[in-house]
Full PDB file with SEQRES, HELIX, SHEET, SSBOND, CRYST1, ORIGX, SCALE, CONECT and MASTER records, all heavy atoms in Angstrom:
SEQRES   1 A   30  TYR ALA ILE SER VAL LYS GLY ARG PHE THR ILE SER ARG          
SEQRES   2 A   30  ASP ASN ALA LYS ASN THR VAL SER LEU GLN MET ASN SER          
SEQRES   3 A   30  LEU ASN PRO GLU                                              
HELIX    1 AA1 ILE A    3  VAL A    5  5                                   3    
SHEET    1 AA1 2 PHE A   9  ASP A  14  0                                        
SHEET    2 AA1 2 THR A  19  MET A  24 -1                                        
CRYST1    1.000    1.000    1.000  90.00  90.00  90.00 P 1           1          
ORIGX1      1.000000  0.000000  0.000000        0.00000                         
ORIGX2      0.000000  1.000000  0.000000        0.00000                         
ORIGX3      0.000000  0.000000  1.000000        0.00000                         
SCALE1      1.000000  0.000000  0.000000        0.00000                         
SCALE2      0.000000  1.000000  0.000000        0.00000                         
SCALE3      0.000000  0.000000  1.000000        0.00000                         
ATOM      1  N   TYR A   1      -4.473   4.394  -6.489  1.00  0.00           N  
ATOM      2  CA  TYR A   1      -5.067   3.465  -5.538  1.00  0.00           C  
ATOM      3  C   TYR A   1      -6.476   3.088  -5.952  1.00  0.00           C  
ATOM      4  O   TYR A   1      -7.213   3.899  -6.517  1.00  0.00           O  
ATOM      5  CB  TYR A   1      -5.133   4.069  -4.136  1.00  0.00           C  
ATOM      6  CG  TYR A   1      -3.791   4.344  -3.511  1.00  0.00           C  
ATOM      7  CD1 TYR A   1      -3.208   5.595  -3.602  1.00  0.00           C  
ATOM      8  CD2 TYR A   1      -3.108   3.348  -2.820  1.00  0.00           C  
ATOM      9  CE1 TYR A   1      -1.977   5.849  -3.024  1.00  0.00           C  
ATOM     10  CE2 TYR A   1      -1.880   3.597  -2.245  1.00  0.00           C  
ATOM     11  CZ  TYR A   1      -1.311   4.842  -2.345  1.00  0.00           C  
ATOM     12  OH  TYR A   1      -0.087   5.102  -1.769  1.00  0.00           O  
ATOM     13  N   ALA A   2      -6.856   1.859  -5.639  1.00  0.00           N  
ATOM     14  CA  ALA A   2      -8.244   1.471  -5.766  1.00  0.00           C  
ATOM     15  C   ALA A   2      -9.076   2.253  -4.756  1.00  0.00           C  
ATOM     16  O   ALA A   2      -8.601   2.565  -3.658  1.00  0.00           O  
ATOM     17  CB  ALA A   2      -8.401  -0.026  -5.524  1.00  0.00           C  
ATOM     18  N   ILE A   3     -10.304   2.568  -5.133  1.00  0.00           N  
ATOM     19  CA  ILE A   3     -11.167   3.335  -4.248  1.00  0.00           C  
ATOM     20  C   ILE A   3     -11.331   2.642  -2.896  1.00  0.00           C  
ATOM     21  O   ILE A   3     -11.363   3.298  -1.846  1.00  0.00           O  
ATOM     22  CB  ILE A   3     -12.538   3.562  -4.906  1.00  0.00           C  
ATOM     23  CG1 ILE A   3     -12.373   4.430  -6.151  1.00  0.00           C  
ATOM     24  CG2 ILE A   3     -13.510   4.206  -3.926  1.00  0.00           C  
ATOM     25  CD1 ILE A   3     -13.653   4.616  -6.934  1.00  0.00           C  
ATOM     26  N   SER A   4     -11.409   1.333  -2.904  1.00  0.00           N  
ATOM     27  CA  SER A   4     -11.657   0.577  -1.690  1.00  0.00           C  
ATOM     28  C   SER A   4     -10.524   0.645  -0.668  1.00  0.00           C  
ATOM     29  O   SER A   4     -10.738   0.321   0.501  1.00  0.00           O  
ATOM     30  CB  SER A   4     -11.940  -0.891  -2.030  1.00  0.00           C  
ATOM     31  OG  SER A   4     -10.837  -1.478  -2.686  1.00  0.00           O  
ATOM     32  N   VAL A   5      -9.333   1.057  -1.091  1.00  0.00           N  
ATOM     33  CA  VAL A   5      -8.202   1.078  -0.167  1.00  0.00           C  
ATOM     34  C   VAL A   5      -7.647   2.469   0.068  1.00  0.00           C  
ATOM     35  O   VAL A   5      -6.721   2.629   0.887  1.00  0.00           O  
ATOM     36  CB  VAL A   5      -7.062   0.145  -0.645  1.00  0.00           C  
ATOM     37  CG1 VAL A   5      -7.593  -1.251  -0.924  1.00  0.00           C  
ATOM     38  CG2 VAL A   5      -6.365   0.717  -1.877  1.00  0.00           C  
ATOM     39  N   LYS A   6      -8.176   3.465  -0.596  1.00  0.00           N  
ATOM     40  CA  LYS A   6      -7.685   4.824  -0.404  1.00  0.00           C  
ATOM     41  C   LYS A   6      -7.814   5.245   1.055  1.00  0.00           C  
ATOM     42  O   LYS A   6      -8.834   5.037   1.694  1.00  0.00           O  
ATOM     43  CB  LYS A   6      -8.453   5.801  -1.294  1.00  0.00           C  
ATOM     44  CG  LYS A   6      -8.029   5.789  -2.741  1.00  0.00           C  
ATOM     45  CD  LYS A   6      -8.747   6.876  -3.534  1.00  0.00           C  
ATOM     46  CE  LYS A   6      -8.270   6.926  -4.966  1.00  0.00           C  
ATOM     47  NZ  LYS A   6      -8.967   7.977  -5.744  1.00  0.00           N  
ATOM     48  N   GLY A   7      -6.755   5.832   1.554  1.00  0.00           N  
ATOM     49  CA  GLY A   7      -6.735   6.275   2.935  1.00  0.00           C  
ATOM     50  C   GLY A   7      -6.290   5.213   3.915  1.00  0.00           C  
ATOM     51  O   GLY A   7      -6.003   5.527   5.078  1.00  0.00           O  
ATOM     52  N   ARG A   8      -6.225   3.961   3.467  1.00  0.00           N  
ATOM     53  CA  ARG A   8      -5.818   2.865   4.347  1.00  0.00           C  
ATOM     54  C   ARG A   8      -4.489   2.237   3.917  1.00  0.00           C  
ATOM     55  O   ARG A   8      -3.718   1.803   4.769  1.00  0.00           O  
ATOM     56  CB  ARG A   8      -6.888   1.773   4.387  1.00  0.00           C  
ATOM     57  CG  ARG A   8      -8.231   2.248   4.925  1.00  0.00           C  
ATOM     58  CD  ARG A   8      -9.193   1.079   5.121  1.00  0.00           C  
ATOM     59  NE  ARG A   8      -9.493   0.393   3.864  1.00  0.00           N  
ATOM     60  CZ  ARG A   8      -9.256  -0.894   3.636  1.00  0.00           C  
ATOM     61  NH1 ARG A   8      -8.711  -1.651   4.589  1.00  0.00           N  
ATOM     62  NH2 ARG A   8      -9.578  -1.441   2.468  1.00  0.00           N  
ATOM     63  N   PHE A   9      -4.260   2.168   2.612  1.00  0.00           N  
ATOM     64  CA  PHE A   9      -3.051   1.544   2.078  1.00  0.00           C  
ATOM     65  C   PHE A   9      -2.117   2.611   1.524  1.00  0.00           C  
ATOM     66  O   PHE A   9      -2.565   3.645   1.000  1.00  0.00           O  
ATOM     67  CB  PHE A   9      -3.388   0.571   0.947  1.00  0.00           C  
ATOM     68  CG  PHE A   9      -4.121  -0.678   1.372  1.00  0.00           C  
ATOM     69  CD1 PHE A   9      -4.628  -0.826   2.652  1.00  0.00           C  
ATOM     70  CD2 PHE A   9      -4.298  -1.709   0.465  1.00  0.00           C  
ATOM     71  CE1 PHE A   9      -5.307  -1.972   3.030  1.00  0.00           C  
ATOM     72  CE2 PHE A   9      -4.972  -2.861   0.829  1.00  0.00           C  
ATOM     73  CZ  PHE A   9      -5.477  -2.999   2.105  1.00  0.00           C  
ATOM     74  N   THR A  10      -0.829   2.338   1.601  1.00  0.00           N  
ATOM     75  CA  THR A  10       0.177   3.223   1.043  1.00  0.00           C  
ATOM     76  C   THR A  10       1.213   2.406   0.292  1.00  0.00           C  
ATOM     77  O   THR A  10       1.799   1.477   0.853  1.00  0.00           O  
ATOM     78  CB  THR A  10       0.876   4.052   2.132  1.00  0.00           C  
ATOM     79  OG1 THR A  10      -0.089   4.818   2.866  1.00  0.00           O  
ATOM     80  CG2 THR A  10       1.886   5.007   1.496  1.00  0.00           C  
ATOM     81  N   ILE A  11       1.431   2.745  -0.960  1.00  0.00           N  
ATOM     82  CA  ILE A  11       2.449   2.076  -1.756  1.00  0.00           C  
ATOM     83  C   ILE A  11       3.686   2.959  -1.826  1.00  0.00           C  
ATOM     84  O   ILE A  11       3.587   4.186  -1.898  1.00  0.00           O  
ATOM     85  CB  ILE A  11       1.925   1.742  -3.174  1.00  0.00           C  
ATOM     86  CG1 ILE A  11       2.927   0.862  -3.926  1.00  0.00           C  
ATOM     87  CG2 ILE A  11       1.606   3.001  -3.965  1.00  0.00           C  
ATOM     88  CD1 ILE A  11       2.394   0.320  -5.252  1.00  0.00           C  
ATOM     89  N   SER A  12       4.841   2.338  -1.789  1.00  0.00           N  
ATOM     90  CA  SER A  12       6.093   3.068  -1.885  1.00  0.00           C  
ATOM     91  C   SER A  12       7.125   2.196  -2.581  1.00  0.00           C  
ATOM     92  O   SER A  12       6.974   0.974  -2.662  1.00  0.00           O  
ATOM     93  CB  SER A  12       6.593   3.493  -0.500  1.00  0.00           C  
ATOM     94  OG  SER A  12       6.828   2.368   0.329  1.00  0.00           O  
ATOM     95  N   ARG A  13       8.173   2.822  -3.086  1.00  0.00           N  
ATOM     96  CA  ARG A  13       9.225   2.057  -3.743  1.00  0.00           C  
ATOM     97  C   ARG A  13      10.578   2.676  -3.459  1.00  0.00           C  
ATOM     98  O   ARG A  13      10.695   3.875  -3.190  1.00  0.00           O  
ATOM     99  CB  ARG A  13       8.982   1.952  -5.251  1.00  0.00           C  
ATOM    100  CG  ARG A  13       9.070   3.266  -6.011  1.00  0.00           C  
ATOM    101  CD  ARG A  13       8.635   3.084  -7.467  1.00  0.00           C  
ATOM    102  NE  ARG A  13       9.658   2.457  -8.284  1.00  0.00           N  
ATOM    103  CZ  ARG A  13       9.471   2.086  -9.560  1.00  0.00           C  
ATOM    104  NH1 ARG A  13       8.286   2.253 -10.134  1.00  0.00           N  
ATOM    105  NH2 ARG A  13      10.471   1.546 -10.238  1.00  0.00           N  
ATOM    106  N   ASP A  14      11.575   1.842  -3.536  1.00  0.00           N  
ATOM    107  CA  ASP A  14      12.954   2.257  -3.386  1.00  0.00           C  
ATOM    108  C   ASP A  14      13.654   1.891  -4.682  1.00  0.00           C  
ATOM    109  O   ASP A  14      13.962   0.724  -4.924  1.00  0.00           O  
ATOM    110  CB  ASP A  14      13.603   1.569  -2.187  1.00  0.00           C  
ATOM    111  CG  ASP A  14      15.001   2.086  -1.903  1.00  0.00           C  
ATOM    112  OD1 ASP A  14      15.688   2.535  -2.828  1.00  0.00           O  
ATOM    113  OD2 ASP A  14      15.423   2.037  -0.729  1.00  0.00           O  
ATOM    114  N   ASN A  15      13.886   2.870  -5.525  1.00  0.00           N  
ATOM    115  CA  ASN A  15      14.461   2.600  -6.836  1.00  0.00           C  
ATOM    116  C   ASN A  15      15.889   2.050  -6.750  1.00  0.00           C  
ATOM    117  O   ASN A  15      16.310   1.268  -7.594  1.00  0.00           O  
ATOM    118  CB  ASN A  15      14.444   3.870  -7.688  1.00  0.00           C  
ATOM    119  CG  ASN A  15      13.046   4.286  -8.090  1.00  0.00           C  
ATOM    120  OD1 ASN A  15      12.136   3.453  -8.192  1.00  0.00           O  
ATOM    121  ND2 ASN A  15      12.852   5.575  -8.327  1.00  0.00           N  
ATOM    122  N   ALA A  16      16.619   2.462  -5.740  1.00  0.00           N  
ATOM    123  CA  ALA A  16      17.982   1.981  -5.583  1.00  0.00           C  
ATOM    124  C   ALA A  16      18.024   0.498  -5.243  1.00  0.00           C  
ATOM    125  O   ALA A  16      18.970  -0.204  -5.609  1.00  0.00           O  
ATOM    126  CB  ALA A  16      18.710   2.789  -4.511  1.00  0.00           C  
ATOM    127  N   LYS A  17      17.000   0.020  -4.536  1.00  0.00           N  
ATOM    128  CA  LYS A  17      16.948  -1.376  -4.122  1.00  0.00           C  
ATOM    129  C   LYS A  17      16.006  -2.218  -4.977  1.00  0.00           C  
ATOM    130  O   LYS A  17      15.899  -3.424  -4.761  1.00  0.00           O  
ATOM    131  CB  LYS A  17      16.526  -1.476  -2.660  1.00  0.00           C  
ATOM    132  CG  LYS A  17      17.495  -0.816  -1.689  1.00  0.00           C  
ATOM    133  CD  LYS A  17      17.019  -0.955  -0.256  1.00  0.00           C  
ATOM    134  CE  LYS A  17      17.993  -0.317   0.716  1.00  0.00           C  
ATOM    135  NZ  LYS A  17      17.531  -0.430   2.128  1.00  0.00           N  
ATOM    136  N   ASN A  18      15.310  -1.583  -5.920  1.00  0.00           N  
ATOM    137  CA  ASN A  18      14.336  -2.274  -6.767  1.00  0.00           C  
ATOM    138  C   ASN A  18      13.279  -2.999  -5.942  1.00  0.00           C  
ATOM    139  O   ASN A  18      12.954  -4.165  -6.190  1.00  0.00           O  
ATOM    140  CB  ASN A  18      15.036  -3.254  -7.710  1.00  0.00           C  
ATOM    141  CG  ASN A  18      15.779  -2.562  -8.827  1.00  0.00           C  
ATOM    142  OD1 ASN A  18      15.468  -1.434  -9.196  1.00  0.00           O  
ATOM    143  ND2 ASN A  18      16.775  -3.240  -9.389  1.00  0.00           N  
ATOM    144  N   THR A  19      12.751  -2.300  -4.965  1.00  0.00           N  
ATOM    145  CA  THR A  19      11.718  -2.872  -4.116  1.00  0.00           C  
ATOM    146  C   THR A  19      10.469  -2.001  -4.122  1.00  0.00           C  
ATOM    147  O   THR A  19      10.532  -0.798  -4.353  1.00  0.00           O  
ATOM    148  CB  THR A  19      12.195  -3.037  -2.668  1.00  0.00           C  
ATOM    149  OG1 THR A  19      12.553  -1.761  -2.130  1.00  0.00           O  
ATOM    150  CG2 THR A  19      13.395  -3.965  -2.593  1.00  0.00           C  
ATOM    151  N   VAL A  20       9.344  -2.626  -3.843  1.00  0.00           N  
ATOM    152  CA  VAL A  20       8.085  -1.934  -3.671  1.00  0.00           C  
ATOM    153  C   VAL A  20       7.404  -2.515  -2.445  1.00  0.00           C  
ATOM    154  O   VAL A  20       7.488  -3.722  -2.190  1.00  0.00           O  
ATOM    155  CB  VAL A  20       7.183  -2.050  -4.924  1.00  0.00           C  
ATOM    156  CG1 VAL A  20       6.827  -3.512  -5.207  1.00  0.00           C  
ATOM    157  CG2 VAL A  20       5.924  -1.212  -4.771  1.00  0.00           C  
ATOM    158  N   SER A  21       6.748  -1.663  -1.678  1.00  0.00           N  
ATOM    159  CA  SER A  21       6.083  -2.095  -0.461  1.00  0.00           C  
ATOM    160  C   SER A  21       4.643  -1.613  -0.466  1.00  0.00           C  
ATOM    161  O   SER A  21       4.298  -0.638  -1.125  1.00  0.00           O  
ATOM    162  CB  SER A  21       6.801  -1.556   0.777  1.00  0.00           C  
ATOM    163  OG  SER A  21       8.123  -2.060   0.867  1.00  0.00           O  
ATOM    164  N   LEU A  22       3.825  -2.312   0.295  1.00  0.00           N  
ATOM    165  CA  LEU A  22       2.430  -1.926   0.474  1.00  0.00           C  
ATOM    166  C   LEU A  22       2.119  -1.974   1.958  1.00  0.00           C  
ATOM    167  O   LEU A  22       2.045  -3.057   2.540  1.00  0.00           O  
ATOM    168  CB  LEU A  22       1.492  -2.856  -0.299  1.00  0.00           C  
ATOM    169  CG  LEU A  22       0.015  -2.474  -0.274  1.00  0.00           C  
ATOM    170  CD1 LEU A  22      -0.212  -1.181  -1.059  1.00  0.00           C  
ATOM    171  CD2 LEU A  22      -0.845  -3.595  -0.852  1.00  0.00           C  
ATOM    172  N   GLN A  23       1.963  -0.811   2.562  1.00  0.00           N  
ATOM    173  CA  GLN A  23       1.576  -0.717   3.959  1.00  0.00           C  
ATOM    174  C   GLN A  23       0.062  -0.744   4.024  1.00  0.00           C  
ATOM    175  O   GLN A  23      -0.598   0.124   3.457  1.00  0.00           O  
ATOM    176  CB  GLN A  23       2.119   0.560   4.592  1.00  0.00           C  
ATOM    177  CG  GLN A  23       1.729   0.758   6.048  1.00  0.00           C  
ATOM    178  CD  GLN A  23       2.317  -0.292   6.962  1.00  0.00           C  
ATOM    179  OE1 GLN A  23       3.496  -0.603   6.867  1.00  0.00           O  
ATOM    180  NE2 GLN A  23       1.490  -0.843   7.834  1.00  0.00           N  
ATOM    181  N   MET A  24      -0.488  -1.718   4.723  1.00  0.00           N  
ATOM    182  CA  MET A  24      -1.928  -1.906   4.801  1.00  0.00           C  
ATOM    183  C   MET A  24      -2.380  -1.700   6.243  1.00  0.00           C  
ATOM    184  O   MET A  24      -1.998  -2.463   7.133  1.00  0.00           O  
ATOM    185  CB  MET A  24      -2.323  -3.298   4.307  1.00  0.00           C  
ATOM    186  CG  MET A  24      -1.833  -3.607   2.897  1.00  0.00           C  
ATOM    187  SD  MET A  24      -2.425  -5.206   2.280  1.00  0.00           S  
ATOM    188  CE  MET A  24      -1.553  -6.309   3.394  1.00  0.00           C  
ATOM    189  N   ASN A  25      -3.198  -0.693   6.455  1.00  0.00           N  
ATOM    190  CA  ASN A  25      -3.725  -0.380   7.775  1.00  0.00           C  
ATOM    191  C   ASN A  25      -5.242  -0.525   7.790  1.00  0.00           C  
ATOM    192  O   ASN A  25      -5.893  -0.555   6.748  1.00  0.00           O  
ATOM    193  CB  ASN A  25      -3.339   1.047   8.182  1.00  0.00           C  
ATOM    194  CG  ASN A  25      -1.848   1.267   8.250  1.00  0.00           C  
ATOM    195  OD1 ASN A  25      -1.088   0.379   8.625  1.00  0.00           O  
ATOM    196  ND2 ASN A  25      -1.416   2.478   7.898  1.00  0.00           N  
ATOM    197  N   SER A  26      -5.798  -0.589   8.988  1.00  0.00           N  
ATOM    198  CA  SER A  26      -7.246  -0.697   9.169  1.00  0.00           C  
ATOM    199  C   SER A  26      -7.844  -1.801   8.315  1.00  0.00           C  
ATOM    200  O   SER A  26      -8.860  -1.621   7.637  1.00  0.00           O  
ATOM    201  CB  SER A  26      -7.919   0.648   8.849  1.00  0.00           C  
ATOM    202  OG  SER A  26      -7.415   1.677   9.673  1.00  0.00           O  
ATOM    203  N   LEU A  27      -7.223  -2.944   8.365  1.00  0.00           N  
ATOM    204  CA  LEU A  27      -7.649  -4.064   7.532  1.00  0.00           C  
ATOM    205  C   LEU A  27      -9.002  -4.604   7.976  1.00  0.00           C  
ATOM    206  O   LEU A  27      -9.327  -4.626   9.167  1.00  0.00           O  
ATOM    207  CB  LEU A  27      -6.609  -5.176   7.577  1.00  0.00           C  
ATOM    208  CG  LEU A  27      -5.304  -4.865   6.838  1.00  0.00           C  
ATOM    209  CD1 LEU A  27      -4.200  -5.817   7.268  1.00  0.00           C  
ATOM    210  CD2 LEU A  27      -5.521  -4.950   5.327  1.00  0.00           C  
ATOM    211  N   ASN A  28      -9.781  -5.036   7.009  1.00  0.00           N  
ATOM    212  CA  ASN A  28     -11.078  -5.641   7.274  1.00  0.00           C  
ATOM    213  C   ASN A  28     -11.191  -6.938   6.489  1.00  0.00           C  
ATOM    214  O   ASN A  28     -10.385  -7.204   5.594  1.00  0.00           O  
ATOM    215  CB  ASN A  28     -12.219  -4.669   6.935  1.00  0.00           C  
ATOM    216  CG  ASN A  28     -12.215  -4.232   5.486  1.00  0.00           C  
ATOM    217  OD1 ASN A  28     -12.443  -5.049   4.595  1.00  0.00           O  
ATOM    218  ND2 ASN A  28     -11.974  -2.955   5.245  1.00  0.00           N  
ATOM    219  N   PRO A  29     -12.173  -7.776   6.799  1.00  0.00           N  
ATOM    220  CA  PRO A  29     -12.285  -9.073   6.128  1.00  0.00           C  
ATOM    221  C   PRO A  29     -12.378  -8.991   4.610  1.00  0.00           C  
ATOM    222  O   PRO A  29     -11.969  -9.933   3.924  1.00  0.00           O  
ATOM    223  CB  PRO A  29     -13.556  -9.668   6.735  1.00  0.00           C  
ATOM    224  CG  PRO A  29     -13.615  -9.085   8.106  1.00  0.00           C  
ATOM    225  CD  PRO A  29     -13.129  -7.673   7.929  1.00  0.00           C  
ATOM    226  N   GLU A  30     -12.886  -7.890   4.072  1.00  0.00           N  
ATOM    227  CA  GLU A  30     -12.979  -7.742   2.623  1.00  0.00           C  
ATOM    228  C   GLU A  30     -11.622  -7.579   1.963  1.00  0.00           C  
ATOM    229  O   GLU A  30     -11.523  -7.671   0.738  1.00  0.00           O  
ATOM    230  CB  GLU A  30     -13.889  -6.558   2.267  1.00  0.00           C  
ATOM    231  CG  GLU A  30     -15.350  -6.783   2.642  1.00  0.00           C  
ATOM    232  CD  GLU A  30     -16.251  -5.652   2.199  1.00  0.00           C  
ATOM    233  OE1 GLU A  30     -15.729  -4.593   1.793  1.00  0.00           O  
ATOM    234  OE2 GLU A  30     -17.484  -5.827   2.260  1.00  0.00           O  
TER     235      GLU A  30                                                      
MASTER        0    0    0    1    2    0    0    6  234    1    0    3          
END                                                                             
């Protein structure tokens, strides 16, 4: 993770479905 998003964003993937997701919490204008 980039330092700026650690603790707020979570990346995950499903290898069976060939998908990747990014859960973004506590979003700010930056």
